[in-house]
């Protein structure tokens, strides 16, 4: 049984040697930025005090914040972990429990933050063959950054998927939406969502992935207002000569329309819209690595964009072999 059930992701935290350079990118990306206490903060339009934090230092991903339902939940978590509930001395205040996961990631579980009223967000009026709600009016879009509403999820590379999965689920109550296999019975990761009972939750809040290469953040994702807003953001980032990473397209798991960009320090951030929502009653599914890397439409994964791109099946085969070898040598002699 889980110690608590978190409600959502709260923020991601980085360090960088040039906060001005980071601020320029984040404002182009669609965040509202402000500096206080020697740190740079970015916020969206949902009224939350911040969703992105950068502090001075070596360019590095530092950790992820999760939002608990109450201070009482923080107290229960702290009692289980043998640690303290502390004041969150950052914009919005509140309280925090600080943990370290099995791979050394800093996890900050927050509650009691003061929030502002959300900014207005107009519902898009798209005419289709089935319905035509927009009549006797035109669409004329002004060039501008996308409007980030909220942070949606983070994707972390882990050293041992099953170990990390157990740690995150036991403490925070996450549910698996899709488990990814490199080969049958060779899991490499899972898209996990918050357990909010009958209240629909994003398809994933955390994705843990045991993939080759060094540990770290694969990307953090931010919801924008609509498809038009995402595409305006795409064009704006292009005109600002920012580094594109992948997009635009529609994912298979989660169904999001996506657009990925890299900040000046190599961190990957995603704009997304139109994602899946599930309740606790929806069962988990299993998917292949090929489906993870594929799109329903749009730009192919950069790994498959070149003329000499490897077949997706080969990537899955090699990944499965690496996982099997690593897990074999990780066993005790008796287990082996």
C-alpha atoms as a PDB file:
ATOM      1  CA  UNK A   1       0.000   0.000   0.000  1.00  0.00           C
ATOM      2  CA  UNK A   2       1.288   3.457  -0.886  1.00  0.00           C
ATOM      3  CA  UNK A   3       2.398   5.823   1.863  1.00  0.00           C
ATOM      4  CA  UNK A   4       0.634   8.749   0.138  1.00  0.00           C
ATOM      5  CA  UNK A   5      -0.949   9.435  -3.249  1.00  0.00           C
ATOM      6  CA  UNK A   6       0.474  12.548  -4.898  1.00  0.00           C
ATOM      7  CA  UNK A   7      -1.807  14.749  -6.983  1.00  0.00           C
ATOM      8  CA  UNK A   8       0.547  15.899  -9.727  1.00  0.00           C
ATOM      9  CA  UNK A   9       4.044  16.962 -10.648  1.00  0.00           C
ATOM     10  CA  UNK A  10       4.951  20.369  -9.204  1.00  0.00           C
ATOM     11  CA  UNK A  11       8.217  21.490 -10.830  1.00  0.00           C
ATOM     12  CA  UNK A  12      11.601  20.556 -12.227  1.00  0.00           C
ATOM     13  CA  UNK A  13      14.854  21.990 -10.881  1.00  0.00           C
ATOM     14  CA  UNK A  14      18.113  22.742 -12.697  1.00  0.00           C
ATOM     15  CA  UNK A  15      21.380  24.571 -12.200  1.00  0.00           C
ATOM     16  CA  UNK A  16      23.077  26.646 -14.914  1.00  0.00           C
ATOM     17  CA  UNK A  17      26.099  28.960 -15.120  1.00  0.00           C
ATOM     18  CA  UNK A  18      24.150  31.772 -16.839  1.00  0.00           C
ATOM     19  CA  UNK A  19      20.655  32.528 -15.541  1.00  0.00           C
ATOM     20  CA  UNK A  20      20.163  35.283 -18.115  1.00  0.00           C
ATOM     21  CA  UNK A  21      20.726  32.831 -20.957  1.00  0.00           C
ATOM     22  CA  UNK A  22      18.261  30.406 -19.389  1.00  0.00           C
ATOM     23  CA  UNK A  23      15.701  33.166 -18.887  1.00  0.00           C
ATOM     24  CA  UNK A  24      15.838  34.176 -22.539  1.00  0.00           C
ATOM     25  CA  UNK A  25      15.056  30.631 -23.635  1.00  0.00           C
ATOM     26  CA  UNK A  26      12.306  30.055 -21.091  1.00  0.00           C
ATOM     27  CA  UNK A  27      10.531  33.254 -22.102  1.00  0.00           C
ATOM     28  CA  UNK A  28      10.739  32.207 -25.761  1.00  0.00           C
ATOM     29  CA  UNK A  29       9.364  28.816 -24.668  1.00  0.00           C
ATOM     30  CA  UNK A  30       6.339  30.488 -23.100  1.00  0.00           C
ATOM     31  CA  UNK A  31       7.047  30.676 -19.368  1.00  0.00           C
ATOM     32  CA  UNK A  32       6.703  33.824 -17.290  1.00  0.00           C
ATOM     33  CA  UNK A  33      10.045  34.303 -15.542  1.00  0.00           C
ATOM     34  CA  UNK A  34      11.135  36.128 -12.412  1.00  0.00           C
ATOM     35  CA  UNK A  35      14.213  36.064 -10.184  1.00  0.00           C
ATOM     36  CA  UNK A  36      14.295  36.018  -6.411  1.00  0.00           C
ATOM     37  CA  UNK A  37      16.641  34.666  -3.764  1.00  0.00           C
ATOM     38  CA  UNK A  38      19.382  34.167  -6.327  1.00  0.00           C
ATOM     39  CA  UNK A  39      17.262  31.726  -8.366  1.00  0.00           C
ATOM     40  CA  UNK A  40      15.351  31.990 -11.639  1.00  0.00           C
ATOM     41  CA  UNK A  41      11.747  30.811 -11.630  1.00  0.00           C
ATOM     42  CA  UNK A  42       9.370  30.075 -14.492  1.00  0.00           C
ATOM     43  CA  UNK A  43       5.599  29.854 -14.089  1.00  0.00           C
ATOM     44  CA  UNK A  44       2.697  28.925 -16.334  1.00  0.00           C
ATOM     45  CA  UNK A  45      -0.855  30.188 -16.574  1.00  0.00           C
ATOM     46  CA  UNK A  46      -2.420  27.805 -14.029  1.00  0.00           C
ATOM     47  CA  UNK A  47      -1.758  30.027 -11.012  1.00  0.00           C
ATOM     48  CA  UNK A  48       0.887  27.782  -9.447  1.00  0.00           C
ATOM     49  CA  UNK A  49       3.815  29.755  -7.985  1.00  0.00           C
ATOM     50  CA  UNK A  50       6.426  28.115 -10.258  1.00  0.00           C
ATOM     51  CA  UNK A  51       6.983  25.075 -12.480  1.00  0.00           C
ATOM     52  CA  UNK A  52      10.675  25.509 -13.414  1.00  0.00           C
ATOM     53  CA  UNK A  53      13.585  26.527 -11.181  1.00  0.00           C
ATOM     54  CA  UNK A  54      17.205  27.302 -12.084  1.00  0.00           C
ATOM     55  CA  UNK A  55      19.908  28.069  -9.547  1.00  0.00           C
ATOM     56  CA  UNK A  56      23.483  29.173 -10.240  1.00  0.00           C
ATOM     57  CA  UNK A  57      26.032  26.418 -10.812  1.00  0.00           C
ATOM     58  CA  UNK A  58      27.285  23.826 -13.244  1.00  0.00           C
ATOM     59  CA  UNK A  59      24.763  23.004 -15.976  1.00  0.00           C
ATOM     60  CA  UNK A  60      22.850  20.089 -14.481  1.00  0.00           C
ATOM     61  CA  UNK A  61      19.431  18.594 -13.797  1.00  0.00           C
ATOM     62  CA  UNK A  62      18.880  18.620 -10.031  1.00  0.00           C
ATOM     63  CA  UNK A  63      15.507  17.108  -9.293  1.00  0.00           C
ATOM     64  CA  UNK A  64      11.753  16.976  -9.592  1.00  0.00           C
ATOM     65  CA  UNK A  65       8.934  18.243  -7.371  1.00  0.00           C
ATOM     66  CA  UNK A  66       5.664  16.420  -6.699  1.00  0.00           C
ATOM     67  CA  UNK A  67       2.497  17.916  -5.239  1.00  0.00           C
ATOM     68  CA  UNK A  68       0.885  16.221  -2.237  1.00  0.00           C
ATOM     69  CA  UNK A  69      -2.750  16.770  -1.280  1.00  0.00           C
ATOM     70  CA  UNK A  70      -2.079  18.067   2.242  1.00  0.00           C
ATOM     71  CA  UNK A  71       0.438  18.823   4.967  1.00  0.00           C
ATOM     72  CA  UNK A  72      -0.876  15.696   6.719  1.00  0.00           C
ATOM     73  CA  UNK A  73       0.332  13.646   3.755  1.00  0.00           C
ATOM     74  CA  UNK A  74       3.759  15.248   4.057  1.00  0.00           C
ATOM     75  CA  UNK A  75       3.841  14.325   7.739  1.00  0.00           C
ATOM     76  CA  UNK A  76       2.961  10.705   6.942  1.00  0.00           C
ATOM     77  CA  UNK A  77       5.649  10.543   4.284  1.00  0.00           C
ATOM     78  CA  UNK A  78       8.256  12.142   6.539  1.00  0.00           C
ATOM     79  CA  UNK A  79       7.445   9.719   9.361  1.00  0.00           C
ATOM     80  CA  UNK A  80       7.904   6.759   7.021  1.00  0.00           C
ATOM     81  CA  UNK A  81      11.209   8.080   5.684  1.00  0.00           C
ATOM     82  CA  UNK A  82      12.584   9.222   9.035  1.00  0.00           C
ATOM     83  CA  UNK A  83      12.981  12.796   7.873  1.00  0.00           C
ATOM     84  CA  UNK A  84      11.383  16.189   8.544  1.00  0.00           C
ATOM     85  CA  UNK A  85       8.667  18.355   7.059  1.00  0.00           C
ATOM     86  CA  UNK A  86      10.332  21.719   6.395  1.00  0.00           C
ATOM     87  CA  UNK A  87       9.156  25.162   5.314  1.00  0.00           C
ATOM     88  CA  UNK A  88       9.467  25.652   1.549  1.00  0.00           C
ATOM     89  CA  UNK A  89      11.314  28.950   1.466  1.00  0.00           C
ATOM     90  CA  UNK A  90      10.508  29.730  -2.146  1.00  0.00           C
ATOM     91  CA  UNK A  91       7.718  31.626  -3.963  1.00  0.00           C
ATOM     92  CA  UNK A  92       4.314  30.442  -2.780  1.00  0.00           C
ATOM     93  CA  UNK A  93       5.641  29.141   0.522  1.00  0.00           C
ATOM     94  CA  UNK A  94       4.149  25.920   1.822  1.00  0.00           C
ATOM     95  CA  UNK A  95       5.975  22.903   3.186  1.00  0.00           C
ATOM     96  CA  UNK A  96       8.267  20.278   1.678  1.00  0.00           C
ATOM     97  CA  UNK A  97       9.691  16.808   2.318  1.00  0.00           C
ATOM     98  CA  UNK A  98      13.000  16.200   0.570  1.00  0.00           C
ATOM     99  CA  UNK A  99      13.946  12.667  -0.471  1.00  0.00           C
ATOM    100  CA  UNK A 100      16.558  11.005  -2.675  1.00  0.00           C
ATOM    101  CA  UNK A 101      15.469   8.206  -4.993  1.00  0.00           C
ATOM    102  CA  UNK A 102      17.570   5.075  -5.741  1.00  0.00           C
ATOM    103  CA  UNK A 103      19.405   6.840  -8.582  1.00  0.00           C
ATOM    104  CA  UNK A 104      20.267   9.938  -6.553  1.00  0.00           C
ATOM    105  CA  UNK A 105      17.565  12.225  -7.952  1.00  0.00           C
ATOM    106  CA  UNK A 106      16.350  14.932  -5.589  1.00  0.00           C
ATOM    107  CA  UNK A 107      12.609  14.511  -4.972  1.00  0.00           C
ATOM    108  CA  UNK A 108      10.770  17.445  -3.377  1.00  0.00           C
ATOM    109  CA  UNK A 109       7.212  16.689  -2.241  1.00  0.00           C
ATOM    110  CA  UNK A 110       5.354  19.948  -1.595  1.00  0.00           C
ATOM    111  CA  UNK A 111       1.984  20.975  -0.156  1.00  0.00           C
ATOM    112  CA  UNK A 112       0.285  24.115   1.093  1.00  0.00           C
ATOM    113  CA  UNK A 113       1.642  26.467  -1.567  1.00  0.00           C
ATOM    114  CA  UNK A 114      -0.224  29.741  -2.113  1.00  0.00           C
ATOM    115  CA  UNK A 115      -1.582  29.977  -5.659  1.00  0.00           C
ATOM    116  CA  UNK A 116      -2.955  32.822  -7.744  1.00  0.00           C
ATOM    117  CA  UNK A 117      -6.096  32.710  -9.848  1.00  0.00           C
ATOM    118  CA  UNK A 118      -5.441  30.942 -13.180  1.00  0.00           C
ATOM    119  CA  UNK A 119      -5.105  33.160 -16.233  1.00  0.00           C
ATOM    120  CA  UNK A 120      -8.002  33.055 -18.744  1.00  0.00           C
ATOM    121  CA  UNK A 121      -7.722  30.280 -21.314  1.00  0.00           C
ATOM    122  CA  UNK A 122     -10.062  30.426 -24.293  1.00  0.00           C
ATOM    123  CA  UNK A 123     -11.486  27.158 -25.604  1.00  0.00           C
ATOM    124  CA  UNK A 124     -10.358  26.610 -29.216  1.00  0.00           C
ATOM    125  CA  UNK A 125     -13.056  26.715 -31.869  1.00  0.00           C
ATOM    126  CA  UNK A 126     -12.160  24.137 -34.515  1.00  0.00           C
ATOM    127  CA  UNK A 127     -14.538  23.434 -37.366  1.00  0.00           C
ATOM    128  CA  UNK A 128     -14.644  19.806 -38.486  1.00  0.00           C
ATOM    129  CA  UNK A 129     -16.883  17.697 -40.717  1.00  0.00           C
ATOM    130  CA  UNK A 130     -18.795  16.645 -37.602  1.00  0.00           C
ATOM    131  CA  UNK A 131     -19.352  20.078 -36.056  1.00  0.00           C
ATOM    132  CA  UNK A 132     -18.806  23.693 -37.050  1.00  0.00           C
ATOM    133  CA  UNK A 133     -18.932  25.836 -33.894  1.00  0.00           C
ATOM    134  CA  UNK A 134     -17.057  28.759 -35.487  1.00  0.00           C
ATOM    135  CA  UNK A 135     -19.328  30.645 -37.870  1.00  0.00           C
ATOM    136  CA  UNK A 136     -19.153  34.132 -39.377  1.00  0.00           C
ATOM    137  CA  UNK A 137     -15.736  34.755 -37.861  1.00  0.00           C
ATOM    138  CA  UNK A 138     -12.148  34.177 -38.936  1.00  0.00           C
ATOM    139  CA  UNK A 139      -9.002  32.860 -37.260  1.00  0.00           C
ATOM    140  CA  UNK A 140      -6.121  35.346 -37.347  1.00  0.00           C
ATOM    141  CA  UNK A 141      -3.193  34.347 -35.136  1.00  0.00           C
ATOM    142  CA  UNK A 142      -0.497  36.790 -34.031  1.00  0.00           C
ATOM    143  CA  UNK A 143       3.106  35.526 -33.861  1.00  0.00           C
ATOM    144  CA  UNK A 144       4.001  34.905 -30.215  1.00  0.00           C
ATOM    145  CA  UNK A 145       5.477  32.318 -27.850  1.00  0.00           C
ATOM    146  CA  UNK A 146       3.216  29.448 -26.833  1.00  0.00           C
ATOM    147  CA  UNK A 147       1.243  29.909 -23.626  1.00  0.00           C
ATOM    148  CA  UNK A 148       2.421  27.303 -21.127  1.00  0.00           C
ATOM    149  CA  UNK A 149      -0.412  26.423 -18.742  1.00  0.00           C
ATOM    150  CA  UNK A 150       1.221  23.863 -16.459  1.00  0.00           C
ATOM    151  CA  UNK A 151       3.913  21.245 -16.075  1.00  0.00           C
ATOM    152  CA  UNK A 152       2.669  17.794 -17.052  1.00  0.00           C
ATOM    153  CA  UNK A 153       5.394  15.185 -16.624  1.00  0.00           C
ATOM    154  CA  UNK A 154       9.076  14.325 -16.387  1.00  0.00           C
ATOM    155  CA  UNK A 155      10.993  11.404 -17.907  1.00  0.00           C
ATOM    156  CA  UNK A 156      13.918  10.016 -15.908  1.00  0.00           C
ATOM    157  CA  UNK A 157      16.568   7.513 -16.904  1.00  0.00           C
ATOM    158  CA  UNK A 158      17.080   4.946 -14.146  1.00  0.00           C
ATOM    159  CA  UNK A 159      19.670   2.284 -13.388  1.00  0.00           C
ATOM    160  CA  UNK A 160      17.237  -0.487 -12.418  1.00  0.00           C
ATOM    161  CA  UNK A 161      13.659  -0.061 -13.579  1.00  0.00           C
ATOM    162  CA  UNK A 162      12.000  -2.532 -11.203  1.00  0.00           C
ATOM    163  CA  UNK A 163      13.865  -1.099  -8.204  1.00  0.00           C
ATOM    164  CA  UNK A 164      12.881   2.462  -9.105  1.00  0.00           C
ATOM    165  CA  UNK A 165       9.308   1.502  -9.966  1.00  0.00           C
ATOM    166  CA  UNK A 166       8.836  -0.076  -6.537  1.00  0.00           C
ATOM    167  CA  UNK A 167      10.357   2.959  -4.785  1.00  0.00           C
ATOM    168  CA  UNK A 168       8.156   5.512  -6.592  1.00  0.00           C
ATOM    169  CA  UNK A 169       4.941   3.506  -6.366  1.00  0.00           C
ATOM    170  CA  UNK A 170       5.321   2.668  -2.671  1.00  0.00           C
ATOM    171  CA  UNK A 171       5.890   6.265  -1.634  1.00  0.00           C
ATOM    172  CA  UNK A 172       3.672   8.193  -4.048  1.00  0.00           C
ATOM    173  CA  UNK A 173       0.947   5.806  -5.203  1.00  0.00           C
ATOM    174  CA  UNK A 174       1.665   5.911  -8.916  1.00  0.00           C
ATOM    175  CA  UNK A 175      -0.272   3.611 -11.266  1.00  0.00           C
ATOM    176  CA  UNK A 176       1.109   2.117 -14.474  1.00  0.00           C
ATOM    177  CA  UNK A 177      -0.596   3.277 -17.651  1.00  0.00           C
ATOM    178  CA  UNK A 178       1.756   1.547 -20.110  1.00  0.00           C
ATOM    179  CA  UNK A 179       4.722  -0.686 -19.390  1.00  0.00           C
ATOM    180  CA  UNK A 180       7.307  -0.734 -22.175  1.00  0.00           C
ATOM    181  CA  UNK A 181       9.116  -3.927 -23.148  1.00  0.00           C
ATOM    182  CA  UNK A 182      12.245  -4.151 -25.283  1.00  0.00           C
ATOM    183  CA  UNK A 183      11.277  -7.804 -25.879  1.00  0.00           C
ATOM    184  CA  UNK A 184       8.635 -10.067 -24.318  1.00  0.00           C
ATOM    185  CA  UNK A 185       9.212 -10.166 -20.542  1.00  0.00           C
ATOM    186  CA  UNK A 186      12.098  -7.672 -20.789  1.00  0.00           C
ATOM    187  CA  UNK A 187      10.629  -4.459 -19.318  1.00  0.00           C
ATOM    188  CA  UNK A 188      12.613  -1.246 -19.717  1.00  0.00           C
ATOM    189  CA  UNK A 189      10.246   1.276 -18.178  1.00  0.00           C
ATOM    190  CA  UNK A 190       6.728   2.484 -17.516  1.00  0.00           C
ATOM    191  CA  UNK A 191       4.517   5.505 -17.998  1.00  0.00           C
ATOM    192  CA  UNK A 192       3.005   6.085 -14.546  1.00  0.00           C
ATOM    193  CA  UNK A 193       0.099   8.351 -13.569  1.00  0.00           C
ATOM    194  CA  UNK A 194      -1.228   9.717 -10.310  1.00  0.00           C
ATOM    195  CA  UNK A 195      -3.906   7.716  -8.493  1.00  0.00           C
ATOM    196  CA  UNK A 196      -6.696  10.264  -8.022  1.00  0.00           C
ATOM    197  CA  UNK A 197      -9.511   7.733  -7.763  1.00  0.00           C
ATOM    198  CA  UNK A 198     -12.419   8.729  -9.993  1.00  0.00           C
ATOM    199  CA  UNK A 199     -10.779  12.040 -10.940  1.00  0.00           C
ATOM    200  CA  UNK A 200      -9.103  11.708 -14.369  1.00  0.00           C
ATOM    201  CA  UNK A 201      -5.316  12.034 -14.355  1.00  0.00           C
ATOM    202  CA  UNK A 202      -2.800  12.562 -17.155  1.00  0.00           C
ATOM    203  CA  UNK A 203      -1.681   9.340 -18.866  1.00  0.00           C
ATOM    204  CA  UNK A 204       1.698   9.873 -17.230  1.00  0.00           C
ATOM    205  CA  UNK A 205       3.217  12.131 -14.631  1.00  0.00           C
ATOM    206  CA  UNK A 206       6.493  10.209 -14.392  1.00  0.00           C
ATOM    207  CA  UNK A 207       8.101   7.923 -16.956  1.00  0.00           C
ATOM    208  CA  UNK A 208      10.960   5.786 -15.624  1.00  0.00           C
ATOM    209  CA  UNK A 209      13.166   4.371 -18.393  1.00  0.00           C
ATOM    210  CA  UNK A 210      16.131   2.017 -18.051  1.00  0.00           C
ATOM    211  CA  UNK A 211      18.000   2.941 -21.215  1.00  0.00           C
ATOM    212  CA  UNK A 212      21.674   2.892 -22.221  1.00  0.00           C
ATOM    213  CA  UNK A 213      23.836   5.901 -21.397  1.00  0.00           C
ATOM    214  CA  UNK A 214      24.271   8.093 -18.342  1.00  0.00           C
ATOM    215  CA  UNK A 215      21.442   8.766 -15.927  1.00  0.00           C
ATOM    216  CA  UNK A 216      19.576  12.058 -16.069  1.00  0.00           C
ATOM    217  CA  UNK A 217      16.447  13.817 -17.217  1.00  0.00           C
ATOM    218  CA  UNK A 218      15.296  12.819 -20.703  1.00  0.00           C
ATOM    219  CA  UNK A 219      12.780  15.656 -20.825  1.00  0.00           C
ATOM    220  CA  UNK A 220      10.222  17.672 -18.901  1.00  0.00           C
ATOM    221  CA  UNK A 221       6.862  18.417 -20.526  1.00  0.00           C
ATOM    222  CA  UNK A 222       4.607  21.462 -20.332  1.00  0.00           C
ATOM    223  CA  UNK A 223       0.996  21.667 -21.473  1.00  0.00           C
ATOM    224  CA  UNK A 224       0.094  24.542 -23.805  1.00  0.00           C
ATOM    225  CA  UNK A 225      -3.352  25.941 -24.599  1.00  0.00           C
ATOM    226  CA  UNK A 226      -4.171  24.210 -27.886  1.00  0.00           C
ATOM    227  CA  UNK A 227      -2.835  22.872 -31.168  1.00  0.00           C
ATOM    228  CA  UNK A 228      -2.747  26.392 -32.622  1.00  0.00           C
ATOM    229  CA  UNK A 229      -0.839  27.572 -29.563  1.00  0.00           C
ATOM    230  CA  UNK A 230       1.676  24.742 -29.910  1.00  0.00           C
ATOM    231  CA  UNK A 231       2.234  25.521 -33.583  1.00  0.00           C
ATOM    232  CA  UNK A 232       2.614  29.246 -32.899  1.00  0.00           C
ATOM    233  CA  UNK A 233       5.194  28.347 -30.278  1.00  0.00           C
ATOM    234  CA  UNK A 234       6.983  26.117 -32.772  1.00  0.00           C
ATOM    235  CA  UNK A 235       7.211  28.899 -35.335  1.00  0.00           C
ATOM    236  CA  UNK A 236       8.293  31.441 -32.711  1.00  0.00           C
ATOM    237  CA  UNK A 237      11.099  29.219 -31.403  1.00  0.00           C
ATOM    238  CA  UNK A 238      12.254  28.692 -34.999  1.00  0.00           C
ATOM    239  CA  UNK A 239      12.428  32.432 -35.616  1.00  0.00           C
ATOM    240  CA  UNK A 240      14.423  32.783 -32.397  1.00  0.00           C
ATOM    241  CA  UNK A 241      16.850  30.151 -33.750  1.00  0.00           C
ATOM    242  CA  UNK A 242      16.344  27.828 -30.804  1.00  0.00           C
ATOM    243  CA  UNK A 243      17.476  24.205 -31.075  1.00  0.00           C
ATOM    244  CA  UNK A 244      14.677  21.850 -32.138  1.00  0.00           C
ATOM    245  CA  UNK A 245      14.815  18.284 -30.800  1.00  0.00           C
ATOM    246  CA  UNK A 246      11.758  16.424 -32.128  1.00  0.00           C
ATOM    247  CA  UNK A 247       8.374  17.400 -33.515  1.00  0.00           C
ATOM    248  CA  UNK A 248       5.735  18.167 -34.388  1.00  0.00           C
ATOM    249  CA  UNK A 249       3.879  14.834 -34.119  1.00  0.00           C
ATOM    250  CA  UNK A 250       1.407  12.750 -32.132  1.00  0.00           C
ATOM    251  CA  UNK A 251       2.642  10.119 -29.699  1.00  0.00           C
ATOM    252  CA  UNK A 252       1.164   6.634 -29.374  1.00  0.00           C
ATOM    253  CA  UNK A 253       1.307   6.226 -25.564  1.00  0.00           C
ATOM    254  CA  UNK A 254      -0.495   9.222 -24.080  1.00  0.00           C
ATOM    255  CA  UNK A 255      -1.647  10.420 -27.527  1.00  0.00           C
ATOM    256  CA  UNK A 256      -0.148  13.890 -26.980  1.00  0.00           C
ATOM    257  CA  UNK A 257       0.620  16.212 -29.856  1.00  0.00           C
ATOM    258  CA  UNK A 258       4.247  17.047 -29.060  1.00  0.00           C
ATOM    259  CA  UNK A 259       7.068  19.446 -29.887  1.00  0.00           C
ATOM    260  CA  UNK A 260      10.494  19.107 -28.211  1.00  0.00           C
ATOM    261  CA  UNK A 261      13.201  21.780 -27.871  1.00  0.00           C
ATOM    262  CA  UNK A 262      16.560  22.042 -26.116  1.00  0.00           C
ATOM    263  CA  UNK A 263      17.481  24.857 -23.776  1.00  0.00           C
ATOM    264  CA  UNK A 264      20.951  26.483 -24.055  1.00  0.00           C
ATOM    265  CA  UNK A 265      22.396  23.906 -21.647  1.00  0.00           C
ATOM    266  CA  UNK A 266      21.139  20.788 -23.405  1.00  0.00           C
ATOM    267  CA  UNK A 267      18.041  20.086 -21.292  1.00  0.00           C
ATOM    268  CA  UNK A 268      15.081  18.927 -23.354  1.00  0.00           C
ATOM    269  CA  UNK A 269      11.662  20.527 -22.798  1.00  0.00           C
ATOM    270  CA  UNK A 270       8.406  19.533 -24.481  1.00  0.00           C
ATOM    271  CA  UNK A 271       5.303  21.453 -25.465  1.00  0.00           C
ATOM    272  CA  UNK A 272       2.249  19.190 -25.590  1.00  0.00           C
ATOM    273  CA  UNK A 273      -1.516  19.329 -25.965  1.00  0.00           C
ATOM    274  CA  UNK A 274      -4.453  16.894 -26.301  1.00  0.00           C
ATOM    275  CA  UNK A 275      -3.213  14.105 -24.021  1.00  0.00           C
ATOM    276  CA  UNK A 276      -5.074  11.065 -22.676  1.00  0.00           C
ATOM    277  CA  UNK A 277      -6.728  11.052 -19.242  1.00  0.00           C
ATOM    278  CA  UNK A 278      -7.458   7.971 -17.123  1.00  0.00           C
ATOM    279  CA  UNK A 279      -8.961   7.174 -13.741  1.00  0.00           C
ATOM    280  CA  UNK A 280      -7.774   4.589 -11.222  1.00  0.00           C
ATOM    281  CA  UNK A 281     -10.239   2.090 -12.742  1.00  0.00           C
ATOM    282  CA  UNK A 282      -8.359   1.902 -16.055  1.00  0.00           C
ATOM    283  CA  UNK A 283      -6.042  -1.122 -16.253  1.00  0.00           C
ATOM    284  CA  UNK A 284      -2.376  -1.020 -17.279  1.00  0.00           C
ATOM    285  CA  UNK A 285      -1.235  -2.048 -20.746  1.00  0.00           C
ATOM    286  CA  UNK A 286       1.993  -3.343 -22.264  1.00  0.00           C
ATOM    287  CA  UNK A 287       3.639  -1.759 -25.280  1.00  0.00           C
ATOM    288  CA  UNK A 288       6.738  -2.426 -27.360  1.00  0.00           C
ATOM    289  CA  UNK A 289       9.830  -0.277 -27.595  1.00  0.00           C
ATOM    290  CA  UNK A 290       9.013   0.198 -31.278  1.00  0.00           C
ATOM    291  CA  UNK A 291       5.707   1.820 -30.274  1.00  0.00           C
ATOM    292  CA  UNK A 292       7.558   4.041 -27.807  1.00  0.00           C
ATOM    293  CA  UNK A 293       9.756   5.434 -30.572  1.00  0.00           C
ATOM    294  CA  UNK A 294       7.025   5.625 -33.232  1.00  0.00           C
ATOM    295  CA  UNK A 295       4.471   8.364 -33.948  1.00  0.00           C
ATOM    296  CA  UNK A 296       0.862   8.214 -35.082  1.00  0.00           C
ATOM    297  CA  UNK A 297       1.670  11.073 -37.452  1.00  0.00           C
ATOM    298  CA  UNK A 298       4.337  13.720 -37.805  1.00  0.00           C
ATOM    299  CA  UNK A 299       8.095  13.958 -37.503  1.00  0.00           C
ATOM    300  CA  UNK A 300       9.845  10.613 -36.912  1.00  0.00           C
ATOM    301  CA  UNK A 301      12.058  10.159 -33.890  1.00  0.00           C
ATOM    302  CA  UNK A 302      15.467  11.764 -34.653  1.00  0.00           C
ATOM    303  CA  UNK A 303      17.034   8.307 -34.411  1.00  0.00           C
ATOM    304  CA  UNK A 304      15.087   7.320 -37.539  1.00  0.00           C
ATOM    305  CA  UNK A 305      15.235  10.581 -39.478  1.00  0.00           C
ATOM    306  CA  UNK A 306      18.446  10.005 -41.448  1.00  0.00           C
ATOM    307  CA  UNK A 307      19.087   7.981 -44.590  1.00  0.00           C
ATOM    308  CA  UNK A 308      21.144   5.427 -42.608  1.00  0.00           C
ATOM    309  CA  UNK A 309      18.608   5.113 -39.776  1.00  0.00           C
ATOM    310  CA  UNK A 310      18.645   1.724 -38.020  1.00  0.00           C
ATOM    311  CA  UNK A 311      15.460  -0.381 -38.077  1.00  0.00           C
ATOM    312  CA  UNK A 312      13.348   0.094 -34.925  1.00  0.00           C
ATOM    313  CA  UNK A 313      13.391  -3.655 -34.352  1.00  0.00           C
ATOM    314  CA  UNK A 314      17.206  -3.628 -34.204  1.00  0.00           C
ATOM    315  CA  UNK A 315      17.172  -0.863 -31.583  1.00  0.00           C
ATOM    316  CA  UNK A 316      14.732  -2.907 -29.482  1.00  0.00           C
ATOM    317  CA  UNK A 317      16.822  -6.092 -29.922  1.00  0.00           C
ATOM    318  CA  UNK A 318      20.063  -4.433 -28.836  1.00  0.00           C
ATOM    319  CA  UNK A 319      18.346  -2.754 -25.861  1.00  0.00           C
ATOM    320  CA  UNK A 320      16.820  -6.075 -24.780  1.00  0.00           C
ATOM    321  CA  UNK A 321      20.229  -7.782 -24.954  1.00  0.00           C
ATOM    322  CA  UNK A 322      21.822  -5.044 -22.849  1.00  0.00           C
ATOM    323  CA  UNK A 323      19.076  -5.300 -20.245  1.00  0.00           C
ATOM    324  CA  UNK A 324      19.314  -9.092 -20.090  1.00  0.00           C
ATOM    325  CA  UNK A 325      23.093  -8.974 -19.639  1.00  0.00           C
ATOM    326  CA  UNK A 326      22.916  -6.279 -16.983  1.00  0.00           C
ATOM    327  CA  UNK A 327      20.239  -8.120 -15.029  1.00  0.00           C
ATOM    328  CA  UNK A 328      22.108 -11.408 -15.276  1.00  0.00           C
ATOM    329  CA  UNK A 329      25.244  -9.909 -13.734  1.00  0.00           C
ATOM    330  CA  UNK A 330      23.176  -8.043 -11.128  1.00  0.00           C
ATOM    331  CA  UNK A 331      21.879 -11.297  -9.650  1.00  0.00           C
ATOM    332  CA  UNK A 332      23.494 -13.008  -6.709  1.00  0.00           C
ATOM    333  CA  UNK A 333      25.510 -16.185  -7.527  1.00  0.00           C
ATOM    334  CA  UNK A 334      22.723 -18.285  -6.014  1.00  0.00           C
ATOM    335  CA  UNK A 335      20.076 -16.616  -8.226  1.00  0.00           C
ATOM    336  CA  UNK A 336      22.253 -16.939 -11.325  1.00  0.00           C
END
